[in-house]
Amino acid sequence: MSLNETQKAKKRLRQTKAWKQLRHDKNVEQRGIDPITLGKITRTANCHHLDLNDEHYTQIQDHSKFVLLNKMTHDMVHWLYRYYEKDKTIIDRLTNILDRMIELNK
């Protein structure tokens, strides 16, 4: 399947009743809260696939493979994952910088 066909298939899936039900179910399960920021889920939130294999994209029956994230959180998770999968200590380095920022901004 070409990239364009894959994108069209994903778009079609996201328009289905089953996908909308999944989003609703995750929102209820998470009590309307983004699990990373603990902020309120917005209408632009993404139902994030934890399984990134394209061939599994349409397998939405197992709701445990999804998490509802606000758009910015979702983008950050995808960005950070590219580095994290290669080097988990990125979290330690990030924490050190954030801790330093807190200290300097007291």
C-alpha atoms as a PDB file:
ATOM      1  CA  MET A   1       0.000   0.000   0.000  1.00  0.00           C
ATOM      2  CA  SER A   2       1.443   3.399  -0.957  1.00  0.00           C
ATOM      3  CA  LEU A   3       1.812   6.210   1.553  1.00  0.00           C
ATOM      4  CA  ASN A   4      -1.117   8.054  -0.017  1.00  0.00           C
ATOM      5  CA  GLU A   5      -3.318   4.928   0.129  1.00  0.00           C
ATOM      6  CA  THR A   6      -2.273   4.328   3.737  1.00  0.00           C
ATOM      7  CA  GLN A   7      -3.172   7.898   4.700  1.00  0.00           C
ATOM      8  CA  LYS A   8      -6.567   7.564   2.974  1.00  0.00           C
ATOM      9  CA  ALA A   9      -7.253   4.270   4.780  1.00  0.00           C
ATOM     10  CA  LYS A  10      -6.377   5.883   8.124  1.00  0.00           C
ATOM     11  CA  LYS A  11      -8.637   8.826   7.363  1.00  0.00           C
ATOM     12  CA  ARG A  12     -11.512   6.490   6.478  1.00  0.00           C
ATOM     13  CA  LEU A  13     -11.038   4.564   9.729  1.00  0.00           C
ATOM     14  CA  ARG A  14     -11.128   7.765  11.786  1.00  0.00           C
ATOM     15  CA  GLN A  15     -14.524   8.587  10.271  1.00  0.00           C
ATOM     16  CA  THR A  16     -16.138   5.291  11.321  1.00  0.00           C
ATOM     17  CA  LYS A  17     -18.616   4.789  14.123  1.00  0.00           C
ATOM     18  CA  ALA A  18     -16.229   2.250  15.731  1.00  0.00           C
ATOM     19  CA  TRP A  19     -13.409   4.820  15.873  1.00  0.00           C
ATOM     20  CA  LYS A  20     -15.682   7.483  17.324  1.00  0.00           C
ATOM     21  CA  GLN A  21     -16.866   4.963  19.912  1.00  0.00           C
ATOM     22  CA  LEU A  22     -13.243   4.139  20.793  1.00  0.00           C
ATOM     23  CA  ARG A  23     -12.485   7.848  21.327  1.00  0.00           C
ATOM     24  CA  HIS A  24     -15.579   8.209  23.489  1.00  0.00           C
ATOM     25  CA  ASP A  25     -14.742   5.095  25.523  1.00  0.00           C
ATOM     26  CA  LYS A  26     -11.160   6.247  26.120  1.00  0.00           C
ATOM     27  CA  ASN A  27     -12.390   9.690  27.171  1.00  0.00           C
ATOM     28  CA  VAL A  28     -14.765   8.131  29.706  1.00  0.00           C
ATOM     29  CA  GLU A  29     -12.101   5.669  30.909  1.00  0.00           C
ATOM     30  CA  GLN A  30      -9.585   8.493  31.388  1.00  0.00           C
ATOM     31  CA  ARG A  31     -12.254  10.691  33.030  1.00  0.00           C
ATOM     32  CA  GLY A  32     -11.609  13.383  30.401  1.00  0.00           C
ATOM     33  CA  ILE A  33      -7.973  13.797  31.475  1.00  0.00           C
ATOM     34  CA  ASP A  34      -4.759  13.728  29.423  1.00  0.00           C
ATOM     35  CA  PRO A  35      -2.703  11.137  31.345  1.00  0.00           C
ATOM     36  CA  ILE A  36       0.592  12.970  30.830  1.00  0.00           C
ATOM     37  CA  THR A  37      -0.262  16.608  31.524  1.00  0.00           C
ATOM     38  CA  LEU A  38      -3.305  15.841  33.688  1.00  0.00           C
ATOM     39  CA  GLY A  39      -5.059  18.578  31.725  1.00  0.00           C
ATOM     40  CA  LYS A  40      -8.617  18.343  30.449  1.00  0.00           C
ATOM     41  CA  ILE A  41      -8.984  16.460  27.159  1.00  0.00           C
ATOM     42  CA  THR A  42      -9.796  18.914  24.371  1.00  0.00           C
ATOM     43  CA  ARG A  43     -11.902  18.334  21.274  1.00  0.00           C
ATOM     44  CA  THR A  44      -8.699  18.228  19.172  1.00  0.00           C
ATOM     45  CA  ALA A  45      -7.281  15.319  21.213  1.00  0.00           C
ATOM     46  CA  ASN A  46      -5.817  12.338  19.371  1.00  0.00           C
ATOM     47  CA  CYS A  47      -6.612   8.723  20.061  1.00  0.00           C
ATOM     48  CA  HIS A  48      -2.999   7.570  20.093  1.00  0.00           C
ATOM     49  CA  HIS A  49      -2.040   4.100  18.869  1.00  0.00           C
ATOM     50  CA  LEU A  50       0.550   2.637  21.208  1.00  0.00           C
ATOM     51  CA  ASP A  51       1.243   0.017  18.502  1.00  0.00           C
ATOM     52  CA  LEU A  52       2.888   1.989  15.695  1.00  0.00           C
ATOM     53  CA  ASN A  53       2.857  -0.798  13.099  1.00  0.00           C
ATOM     54  CA  ASP A  54       0.867   0.447  10.080  1.00  0.00           C
ATOM     55  CA  GLU A  55      -0.495  -3.039   9.429  1.00  0.00           C
ATOM     56  CA  HIS A  56      -2.135  -2.980  12.879  1.00  0.00           C
ATOM     57  CA  TYR A  57      -3.677   0.493  12.471  1.00  0.00           C
ATOM     58  CA  THR A  58      -7.191  -0.754  11.790  1.00  0.00           C
ATOM     59  CA  GLN A  59      -7.184  -3.297  14.629  1.00  0.00           C
ATOM     60  CA  ILE A  60      -9.031  -1.175  17.142  1.00  0.00           C
ATOM     61  CA  GLN A  61     -10.880  -3.841  19.119  1.00  0.00           C
ATOM     62  CA  ASP A  62      -8.304  -3.924  21.925  1.00  0.00           C
ATOM     63  CA  HIS A  63      -8.807  -0.562  23.590  1.00  0.00           C
ATOM     64  CA  SER A  64      -5.787  -1.140  25.858  1.00  0.00           C
ATOM     65  CA  LYS A  65      -3.563  -0.365  22.852  1.00  0.00           C
ATOM     66  CA  PHE A  66      -4.788   3.252  22.768  1.00  0.00           C
ATOM     67  CA  VAL A  67      -4.585   6.363  24.896  1.00  0.00           C
ATOM     68  CA  LEU A  68      -6.359   9.671  24.378  1.00  0.00           C
ATOM     69  CA  LEU A  69      -3.858  12.553  24.356  1.00  0.00           C
ATOM     70  CA  ASN A  70      -4.249  16.252  23.716  1.00  0.00           C
ATOM     71  CA  LYS A  71      -2.733  17.311  20.402  1.00  0.00           C
ATOM     72  CA  MET A  72       0.412  18.888  21.801  1.00  0.00           C
ATOM     73  CA  THR A  73       0.998  15.927  24.134  1.00  0.00           C
ATOM     74  CA  HIS A  74       0.479  13.534  21.222  1.00  0.00           C
ATOM     75  CA  ASP A  75       2.992  15.407  19.055  1.00  0.00           C
ATOM     76  CA  MET A  76       5.519  15.463  21.902  1.00  0.00           C
ATOM     77  CA  VAL A  77       5.134  11.720  22.537  1.00  0.00           C
ATOM     78  CA  HIS A  78       5.758  10.917  18.866  1.00  0.00           C
ATOM     79  CA  TRP A  79       8.760  13.234  18.745  1.00  0.00           C
ATOM     80  CA  LEU A  80      10.305  11.920  21.963  1.00  0.00           C
ATOM     81  CA  TYR A  81       9.655   8.262  21.112  1.00  0.00           C
ATOM     82  CA  ARG A  82      12.040   8.436  18.137  1.00  0.00           C
ATOM     83  CA  TYR A  83      14.888   9.126  20.560  1.00  0.00           C
ATOM     84  CA  TYR A  84      13.622   7.103  23.522  1.00  0.00           C
ATOM     85  CA  GLU A  85      13.460   3.840  21.588  1.00  0.00           C
ATOM     86  CA  LYS A  86      17.196   4.180  20.859  1.00  0.00           C
ATOM     87  CA  ASP A  87      18.325   5.628  24.199  1.00  0.00           C
ATOM     88  CA  LYS A  88      16.085   5.540  27.250  1.00  0.00           C
ATOM     89  CA  THR A  89      18.462   7.787  29.191  1.00  0.00           C
ATOM     90  CA  ILE A  90      17.069  10.719  27.204  1.00  0.00           C
ATOM     91  CA  ILE A  91      14.475  10.984  29.985  1.00  0.00           C
ATOM     92  CA  ASP A  92      17.232  11.449  32.572  1.00  0.00           C
ATOM     93  CA  ARG A  93      18.866  14.181  30.508  1.00  0.00           C
ATOM     94  CA  LEU A  94      15.538  15.897  29.983  1.00  0.00           C
ATOM     95  CA  THR A  95      14.761  15.691  33.711  1.00  0.00           C
ATOM     96  CA  ASN A  96      18.142  17.246  34.527  1.00  0.00           C
ATOM     97  CA  ILE A  97      17.473  20.207  32.252  1.00  0.00           C
ATOM     98  CA  LEU A  98      13.935  20.693  33.577  1.00  0.00           C
ATOM     99  CA  ASP A  99      15.161  20.483  37.184  1.00  0.00           C
ATOM    100  CA  ARG A 100      17.816  23.071  36.404  1.00  0.00           C
ATOM    101  CA  MET A 101      15.174  25.344  34.847  1.00  0.00           C
ATOM    102  CA  ILE A 102      13.031  25.053  37.985  1.00  0.00           C
ATOM    103  CA  GLU A 103      15.997  25.917  40.160  1.00  0.00           C
ATOM    104  CA  LEU A 104      16.947  28.957  38.075  1.00  0.00           C
ATOM    105  CA  ASN A 105      13.406  30.248  37.884  1.00  0.00           C
ATOM    106  CA  LYS A 106      12.570  30.190  41.611  1.00  0.00           C
END
